[in-house]
């Protein structure tokens, strides 16, 4: 530090703060949010912390200063974290698949006018027709969108609240053998549904469509900046605590599934969270994005912030042969699609 100028000393202080924050974030997947709600909020900031530390690393390299070691060591220590954030390089997609599945939070097909566009329902419908997935799981599905029942012969739509107009839905080209729902006791329309489908007339696959506790984050950075930061952090921390209750309800159902299984949906949390880590490790699941994805995998339309909060987690008897994310602005989420091999 003695050999650094005043400006570089200031930069190194900022670097140290970013490095410490990233180091603390490595603990978040292992600490229940109920124990430290505010610490769990760090899971949302990991993408930015990784980028910041990489920028500091490059800065010190260009300056030929040994201070580059700080961010280098922190990034190296969290190498597996970086893989959850970004996948680099083309993946082999030549392997044949048995079915395709899409997950999409459709934001009620713009029923409440979040977008000035009146053609959102038709745009989403046309998009689904174009991609033609064998199974589609929707979150925030509006019950007025009855035409999807005509596109897919088998479906399950679950509305949690009696007077609600939206819920969670699964549409399938394959026969649905059984339909199940998991009631989250918390207020709101978040819930989980799961179905057993018969793929290609021979194999049963259980598909979970989950919509964990919403954090009510508006997609515009300017909206977040207007909100009181203490209230925002408190609300997010509380939301993560509710998510812990929900995932702990879901986990034993997933673990006791006798068939091939996969979980898709809107987690309202990142790949650096307790929720994601608990499901992935305790239920022995693989992330389809990490198998066949490319790039950042951003699935939530938050300006300048690469948040991946929509997932497809596969049991060991399933394998992704392709993974795609479609950056279309028909909702505040981007749809994701994967082709699956049994």
Protein backbone atom coordinates (compact mmCIF):
# COMPACT_ATOMS: atom_id res chain seq x y z
CA UNK A 1 0.00 0.00 0.00
CA UNK A 2 2.89 2.38 0.73
CA UNK A 3 3.95 2.40 -2.91
CA UNK A 4 0.47 3.16 -4.17
CA UNK A 5 -0.64 6.66 -5.02
CA UNK A 6 -3.69 8.22 -3.38
CA UNK A 7 -5.99 7.22 -6.25
CA UNK A 8 -4.72 3.64 -6.30
CA UNK A 9 -5.11 3.39 -2.53
CA UNK A 10 -8.74 4.44 -2.92
CA UNK A 11 -9.23 1.87 -5.68
CA UNK A 12 -7.68 -0.84 -3.52
CA UNK A 13 -10.03 -0.01 -0.64
CA UNK A 14 -12.99 -0.44 -3.00
CA UNK A 15 -11.38 -3.63 -4.31
CA UNK A 16 -11.04 -4.97 -0.75
CA UNK A 17 -14.71 -4.27 0.00
CA UNK A 18 -15.82 -6.04 -3.20
CA UNK A 19 -13.51 -8.98 -2.49
CA UNK A 20 -14.76 -9.35 1.09
CA UNK A 21 -18.38 -9.18 -0.05
CA UNK A 22 -17.76 -11.87 -2.67
CA UNK A 23 -15.98 -14.04 -0.10
CA UNK A 24 -18.94 -13.71 2.28
CA UNK A 25 -21.31 -14.60 -0.55
CA UNK A 26 -19.59 -17.98 -0.86
CA UNK A 27 -21.11 -18.84 2.52
CA UNK A 28 -24.68 -17.89 1.57
CA UNK A 29 -25.65 -21.26 -0.05
CA UNK A 30 -24.87 -23.03 3.24
CA UNK A 31 -26.60 -20.66 5.67
CA UNK A 32 -30.40 -20.84 6.08
CA UNK A 33 -31.92 -17.39 5.38
CA UNK A 34 -33.84 -17.54 8.65
CA UNK A 35 -30.51 -17.49 10.50
CA UNK A 36 -29.14 -14.42 8.70
CA UNK A 37 -31.81 -12.86 6.44
CA UNK A 38 -29.71 -9.86 5.42
CA UNK A 39 -26.68 -12.02 4.55
CA UNK A 40 -28.89 -14.07 2.22
CA UNK A 41 -29.54 -10.92 0.17
CA UNK A 42 -25.94 -11.18 -1.06
CA UNK A 43 -27.03 -14.04 -3.33
CA UNK A 44 -28.67 -11.48 -5.63
CA UNK A 45 -25.49 -9.42 -5.85
CA UNK A 46 -23.02 -12.21 -6.68
CA UNK A 47 -23.09 -11.57 -10.46
CA UNK A 48 -22.15 -7.94 -9.92
CA UNK A 49 -19.49 -8.85 -7.34
CA UNK A 50 -17.91 -11.32 -9.76
CA UNK A 51 -17.82 -8.69 -12.51
CA UNK A 52 -16.40 -6.05 -10.15
CA UNK A 53 -13.64 -8.32 -8.93
CA UNK A 54 -12.76 -9.25 -12.49
CA UNK A 55 -12.54 -5.54 -13.38
CA UNK A 56 -10.27 -4.89 -10.39
CA UNK A 57 -8.14 -7.88 -11.37
CA UNK A 58 -7.67 -6.51 -14.90
CA UNK A 59 -6.99 -3.00 -13.55
CA UNK A 60 -4.10 -4.16 -11.36
CA UNK A 61 -2.71 -6.42 -14.09
CA UNK A 62 -2.59 -3.46 -16.48
CA UNK A 63 -0.95 -1.37 -13.76
CA UNK A 64 1.57 -4.19 -13.12
CA UNK A 65 0.69 -4.17 -9.42
CA UNK A 66 0.67 -7.24 -7.18
CA UNK A 67 -2.68 -6.10 -5.77
CA UNK A 68 -4.18 -8.17 -8.60
CA UNK A 69 -3.67 -11.18 -6.33
CA UNK A 70 -6.55 -10.17 -4.04
CA UNK A 71 -9.33 -10.50 -6.62
CA UNK A 72 -7.51 -13.31 -8.42
CA UNK A 73 -7.43 -15.48 -5.28
CA UNK A 74 -11.05 -14.68 -4.39
CA UNK A 75 -12.25 -15.50 -7.91
CA UNK A 76 -10.16 -18.66 -8.01
CA UNK A 77 -11.58 -19.78 -4.66
CA UNK A 78 -15.08 -19.44 -6.10
CA UNK A 79 -14.41 -20.99 -9.49
CA UNK A 80 -17.55 -23.15 -9.32
CA UNK A 81 -19.55 -19.98 -8.62
CA UNK A 82 -18.35 -18.43 -11.85
CA UNK A 83 -19.63 -21.50 -13.74
CA UNK A 84 -23.08 -20.96 -12.26
CA UNK A 85 -22.99 -17.38 -13.52
CA UNK A 86 -21.64 -17.77 -17.05
CA UNK A 87 -21.06 -20.66 -19.43
CA UNK A 88 -18.40 -20.06 -22.07
CA UNK A 89 -17.94 -21.95 -25.31
CA UNK A 90 -20.18 -23.83 -27.68
CA UNK A 91 -21.78 -27.04 -26.42
CA UNK A 92 -22.37 -30.21 -28.42
CA UNK A 93 -26.07 -30.37 -29.28
CA UNK A 94 -25.93 -33.27 -31.73
CA UNK A 95 -27.26 -35.85 -29.28
CA UNK A 96 -30.87 -36.91 -29.86
CA UNK A 97 -33.51 -35.95 -27.30
CA UNK A 98 -36.76 -37.57 -26.17
CA UNK A 99 -38.79 -34.46 -25.37
CA UNK A 100 -38.56 -30.69 -25.03
CA UNK A 101 -39.75 -28.54 -22.15
CA UNK A 102 -40.19 -24.79 -21.69
CA UNK A 103 -40.53 -22.74 -18.52
CA UNK A 104 -41.99 -19.25 -18.73
CA UNK A 105 -43.30 -16.75 -16.18
CA UNK A 106 -45.82 -15.03 -18.45
CA UNK A 107 -46.79 -12.25 -16.01
CA UNK A 108 -50.50 -12.92 -16.47
CA UNK A 109 -50.26 -12.26 -20.22
CA UNK A 110 -50.23 -8.53 -19.45
CA UNK A 111 -53.77 -8.71 -18.09
CA UNK A 112 -53.10 -5.78 -15.75
CA UNK A 113 -51.40 -3.62 -18.35
CA UNK A 114 -47.78 -3.52 -17.16
CA UNK A 115 -46.90 -3.06 -20.84
CA UNK A 116 -48.69 -0.62 -23.18
CA UNK A 117 -48.70 -3.35 -25.85
CA UNK A 118 -52.11 -4.93 -26.29
CA UNK A 119 -50.86 -7.85 -28.36
CA UNK A 120 -48.82 -9.55 -25.60
CA UNK A 121 -51.17 -12.58 -25.30
CA UNK A 122 -50.98 -13.21 -29.04
CA UNK A 123 -47.21 -12.69 -29.11
CA UNK A 124 -46.70 -15.26 -26.34
CA UNK A 125 -49.04 -17.69 -28.07
CA UNK A 126 -47.24 -17.30 -31.40
CA UNK A 127 -43.88 -17.77 -29.69
CA UNK A 128 -45.00 -21.00 -28.01
CA UNK A 129 -46.39 -22.27 -31.32
CA UNK A 130 -43.09 -21.46 -33.03
CA UNK A 131 -40.90 -23.26 -30.47
CA UNK A 132 -43.46 -26.03 -30.08
CA UNK A 133 -42.25 -27.57 -26.78
CA UNK A 134 -43.70 -30.93 -25.79
CA UNK A 135 -44.28 -29.62 -22.28
CA UNK A 136 -44.63 -26.02 -21.12
CA UNK A 137 -44.65 -24.90 -17.48
CA UNK A 138 -46.05 -21.43 -16.84
CA UNK A 139 -45.93 -19.30 -13.74
CA UNK A 140 -48.36 -16.41 -13.19
CA UNK A 141 -50.69 -18.04 -15.69
CA UNK A 142 -53.91 -16.09 -16.29
CA UNK A 143 -57.00 -18.30 -16.25
CA UNK A 144 -58.51 -16.32 -19.12
CA UNK A 145 -55.89 -17.73 -21.51
CA UNK A 146 -58.09 -20.69 -22.36
CA UNK A 147 -56.64 -21.16 -25.85
CA UNK A 148 -53.62 -23.04 -24.46
CA UNK A 149 -55.92 -25.87 -23.51
CA UNK A 150 -56.68 -26.21 -27.22
CA UNK A 151 -52.99 -26.28 -28.15
CA UNK A 152 -52.15 -29.02 -25.64
CA UNK A 153 -54.47 -31.99 -25.02
CA UNK A 154 -53.30 -32.50 -21.42
CA UNK A 155 -52.97 -29.82 -18.79
CA UNK A 156 -53.08 -28.98 -15.10
CA UNK A 157 -53.85 -25.48 -13.87
CA UNK A 158 -53.76 -24.72 -10.15
CA UNK A 159 -55.16 -21.50 -8.73
CA UNK A 160 -54.05 -21.10 -5.12
CA UNK A 161 -56.39 -18.42 -3.83
CA UNK A 162 -60.18 -18.67 -4.26
CA UNK A 163 -60.65 -15.23 -5.77
CA UNK A 164 -57.41 -15.17 -7.75
CA UNK A 165 -57.24 -15.06 -11.53
CA UNK A 166 -53.78 -16.53 -11.95
CA UNK A 167 -51.72 -19.48 -10.81
CA UNK A 168 -49.34 -22.19 -12.00
CA UNK A 169 -49.92 -24.34 -15.08
CA UNK A 170 -48.45 -27.31 -16.93
CA UNK A 171 -49.43 -28.11 -20.52
CA UNK A 172 -48.34 -31.36 -22.15
CA UNK A 173 -48.54 -33.25 -25.43
CA UNK A 174 -47.97 -36.42 -23.43
CA UNK A 175 -50.65 -38.04 -21.25
CA UNK A 176 -50.71 -36.83 -17.65
CA UNK A 177 -51.06 -39.86 -15.39
CA UNK A 178 -51.40 -38.00 -12.09
CA UNK A 179 -51.72 -34.39 -10.97
CA UNK A 180 -50.46 -33.05 -7.66
CA UNK A 181 -50.14 -29.70 -5.92
CA UNK A 182 -48.14 -28.47 -2.96
CA UNK A 183 -49.78 -25.70 -0.98
CA UNK A 184 -47.44 -23.02 0.33
CA UNK A 185 -49.16 -21.54 3.43
CA UNK A 186 -47.70 -18.07 2.92
CA UNK A 187 -49.91 -15.30 1.53
CA UNK A 188 -49.79 -14.78 -2.21
CA UNK A 189 -50.13 -16.91 -5.31
CA UNK A 190 -46.81 -18.74 -5.07
CA UNK A 191 -47.12 -22.52 -5.11
CA UNK A 192 -45.83 -25.72 -6.68
CA UNK A 193 -47.56 -28.23 -8.90
CA UNK A 194 -46.24 -31.47 -10.30
CA UNK A 195 -47.45 -34.04 -12.78
CA UNK A 196 -46.46 -37.54 -13.82
CA UNK A 197 -46.36 -37.73 -17.61
CA UNK A 198 -45.92 -40.73 -19.87
CA UNK A 199 -43.21 -39.87 -22.39
CA UNK A 200 -43.32 -41.69 -25.71
CA UNK A 201 -45.72 -44.27 -24.26
CA UNK A 202 -43.03 -45.93 -22.18
CA UNK A 203 -41.33 -43.77 -19.51
CA UNK A 204 -42.88 -41.89 -16.60
CA UNK A 205 -41.34 -38.52 -15.75
CA UNK A 206 -42.39 -36.36 -12.81
CA UNK A 207 -42.20 -32.65 -13.62
CA UNK A 208 -42.34 -30.05 -10.86
CA UNK A 209 -43.37 -26.51 -11.78
CA UNK A 210 -42.48 -24.19 -8.91
CA UNK A 211 -42.99 -20.52 -8.22
CA UNK A 212 -41.21 -19.66 -4.99
CA UNK A 213 -41.98 -16.61 -2.86
CA UNK A 214 -41.97 -13.41 -4.89
CA UNK A 215 -39.74 -10.52 -3.83
CA UNK A 216 -41.78 -7.86 -5.66
CA UNK A 217 -38.72 -6.36 -7.32
CA UNK A 218 -39.69 -4.03 -10.14
CA UNK A 219 -37.65 -4.60 -13.32
CA UNK A 220 -36.47 -0.99 -13.67
CA UNK A 221 -33.28 0.07 -11.86
CA UNK A 222 -34.78 3.53 -11.43
CA UNK A 223 -37.70 2.01 -9.49
CA UNK A 224 -35.30 0.22 -7.15
CA UNK A 225 -33.31 3.42 -6.60
CA UNK A 226 -36.47 5.25 -5.54
CA UNK A 227 -37.27 2.67 -2.86
CA UNK A 228 -35.96 2.99 0.69
CA UNK A 229 -32.89 0.72 0.77
CA UNK A 230 -33.47 -0.50 4.33
CA UNK A 231 -37.05 -1.49 3.57
CA UNK A 232 -35.99 -3.12 0.30
CA UNK A 233 -33.29 -5.24 1.96
CA UNK A 234 -35.63 -6.15 4.80
CA UNK A 235 -38.35 -7.24 2.38
CA UNK A 236 -35.95 -9.34 0.31
CA UNK A 237 -34.46 -10.96 3.42
CA UNK A 238 -37.94 -11.79 4.69
CA UNK A 239 -38.89 -13.18 1.28
CA UNK A 240 -35.86 -15.47 1.34
CA UNK A 241 -36.91 -16.72 4.79
CA UNK A 242 -40.31 -17.67 3.36
CA UNK A 243 -38.57 -19.37 0.44
CA UNK A 244 -36.68 -21.50 2.95
CA UNK A 245 -39.99 -22.77 4.37
CA UNK A 246 -41.24 -23.51 0.87
CA UNK A 247 -38.18 -25.37 -0.36
CA UNK A 248 -38.09 -27.43 2.85
CA UNK A 249 -41.70 -28.45 2.11
CA UNK A 250 -40.83 -29.38 -1.48
CA UNK A 251 -37.56 -31.23 -0.86
CA UNK A 252 -38.92 -34.48 0.67
CA UNK A 253 -41.47 -34.79 -2.15
CA UNK A 254 -38.67 -34.51 -4.71
CA UNK A 255 -36.44 -36.93 -2.81
CA UNK A 256 -39.19 -39.55 -2.57
CA UNK A 257 -40.15 -39.40 -6.24
CA UNK A 258 -40.03 -42.95 -7.67
CA UNK A 259 -39.67 -41.79 -11.29
CA UNK A 260 -37.31 -39.74 -13.38
CA UNK A 261 -37.73 -36.18 -12.17
CA UNK A 262 -37.05 -32.55 -12.95
CA UNK A 263 -37.83 -29.21 -11.34
CA UNK A 264 -38.47 -26.14 -13.46
CA UNK A 265 -39.80 -22.70 -12.72
CA UNK A 266 -39.33 -19.27 -11.26
CA UNK A 267 -37.19 -19.58 -8.13
CA UNK A 268 -37.14 -15.82 -7.42
CA UNK A 269 -33.57 -16.43 -6.33
CA UNK A 270 -30.21 -17.13 -7.92
CA UNK A 271 -27.84 -20.06 -8.37
CA UNK A 272 -25.86 -18.67 -5.41
CA UNK A 273 -28.70 -19.08 -2.92
CA UNK A 274 -29.50 -21.48 -0.09
CA UNK A 275 -32.68 -22.50 -1.92
CA UNK A 276 -30.89 -23.53 -5.13
CA UNK A 277 -28.04 -25.24 -3.30
CA UNK A 278 -30.37 -27.24 -1.03
CA UNK A 279 -32.42 -28.56 -3.94
CA UNK A 280 -29.43 -29.28 -6.15
CA UNK A 281 -27.37 -31.11 -3.54
CA UNK A 282 -29.96 -32.83 -1.34
CA UNK A 283 -32.11 -33.98 -4.27
CA UNK A 284 -29.05 -34.77 -6.42
CA UNK A 285 -30.01 -32.60 -9.39
CA UNK A 286 -28.10 -31.11 -12.33
CA UNK A 287 -28.57 -27.63 -13.76
CA UNK A 288 -29.54 -27.82 -17.46
CA UNK A 289 -27.95 -24.41 -18.06
CA UNK A 290 -24.62 -25.63 -16.73
CA UNK A 291 -24.87 -28.73 -18.93
CA UNK A 292 -25.79 -27.09 -22.23
CA UNK A 293 -26.22 -23.34 -21.72
CA UNK A 294 -24.08 -20.53 -23.08
CA UNK A 295 -23.46 -16.97 -21.93
CA UNK A 296 -24.90 -15.33 -18.82
CA UNK A 297 -28.26 -17.09 -18.83
CA UNK A 298 -30.05 -13.94 -17.64
CA UNK A 299 -33.74 -14.77 -17.22
CA UNK A 300 -35.15 -11.70 -15.43
CA UNK A 301 -35.44 -8.39 -17.24
CA UNK A 302 -33.68 -6.14 -14.71
CA UNK A 303 -31.76 -3.38 -16.46
CA UNK A 304 -27.98 -3.91 -16.59
CA UNK A 305 -28.20 -6.72 -14.02
CA UNK A 306 -27.65 -10.33 -15.20
CA UNK A 307 -30.07 -12.18 -12.92
CA UNK A 308 -30.71 -15.87 -13.63
CA UNK A 309 -33.66 -16.84 -11.45
CA UNK A 310 -35.50 -19.30 -13.71
CA UNK A 311 -34.15 -22.84 -13.66
CA UNK A 312 -34.37 -26.37 -14.96
CA UNK A 313 -32.89 -28.89 -12.53
CA UNK A 314 -32.70 -32.48 -13.74
CA UNK A 315 -32.51 -35.76 -11.88
CA UNK A 316 -29.61 -38.09 -12.60
CA UNK A 317 -31.67 -40.19 -15.03
CA UNK A 318 -32.32 -37.18 -17.27
CA UNK A 319 -29.83 -35.27 -19.39
CA UNK A 320 -30.06 -31.95 -21.23
CA UNK A 321 -29.03 -32.14 -24.88
CA UNK A 322 -29.80 -28.46 -25.55
CA UNK A 323 -30.56 -25.36 -23.49
CA UNK A 324 -31.86 -22.05 -24.84
CA UNK A 325 -32.91 -18.71 -23.41
CA UNK A 326 -35.00 -16.35 -25.52
CA UNK A 327 -34.58 -12.64 -24.85
CA UNK A 328 -38.08 -11.52 -25.78
CA UNK A 329 -39.81 -8.72 -23.89
CA UNK A 330 -43.30 -10.14 -23.53
CA UNK A 331 -42.95 -10.44 -19.74
CA UNK A 332 -40.47 -9.44 -17.04
CA UNK A 333 -38.99 -12.94 -17.42
CA UNK A 334 -37.38 -14.60 -20.42
CA UNK A 335 -38.53 -18.10 -21.40
CA UNK A 336 -36.07 -20.97 -21.17
CA UNK A 337 -36.24 -24.21 -23.14
CA UNK A 338 -34.34 -27.46 -22.90
CA UNK A 339 -34.33 -30.68 -24.87
CA UNK A 340 -34.11 -33.72 -22.63
CA UNK A 341 -32.81 -37.23 -23.12
CA UNK A 342 -34.08 -40.05 -20.93
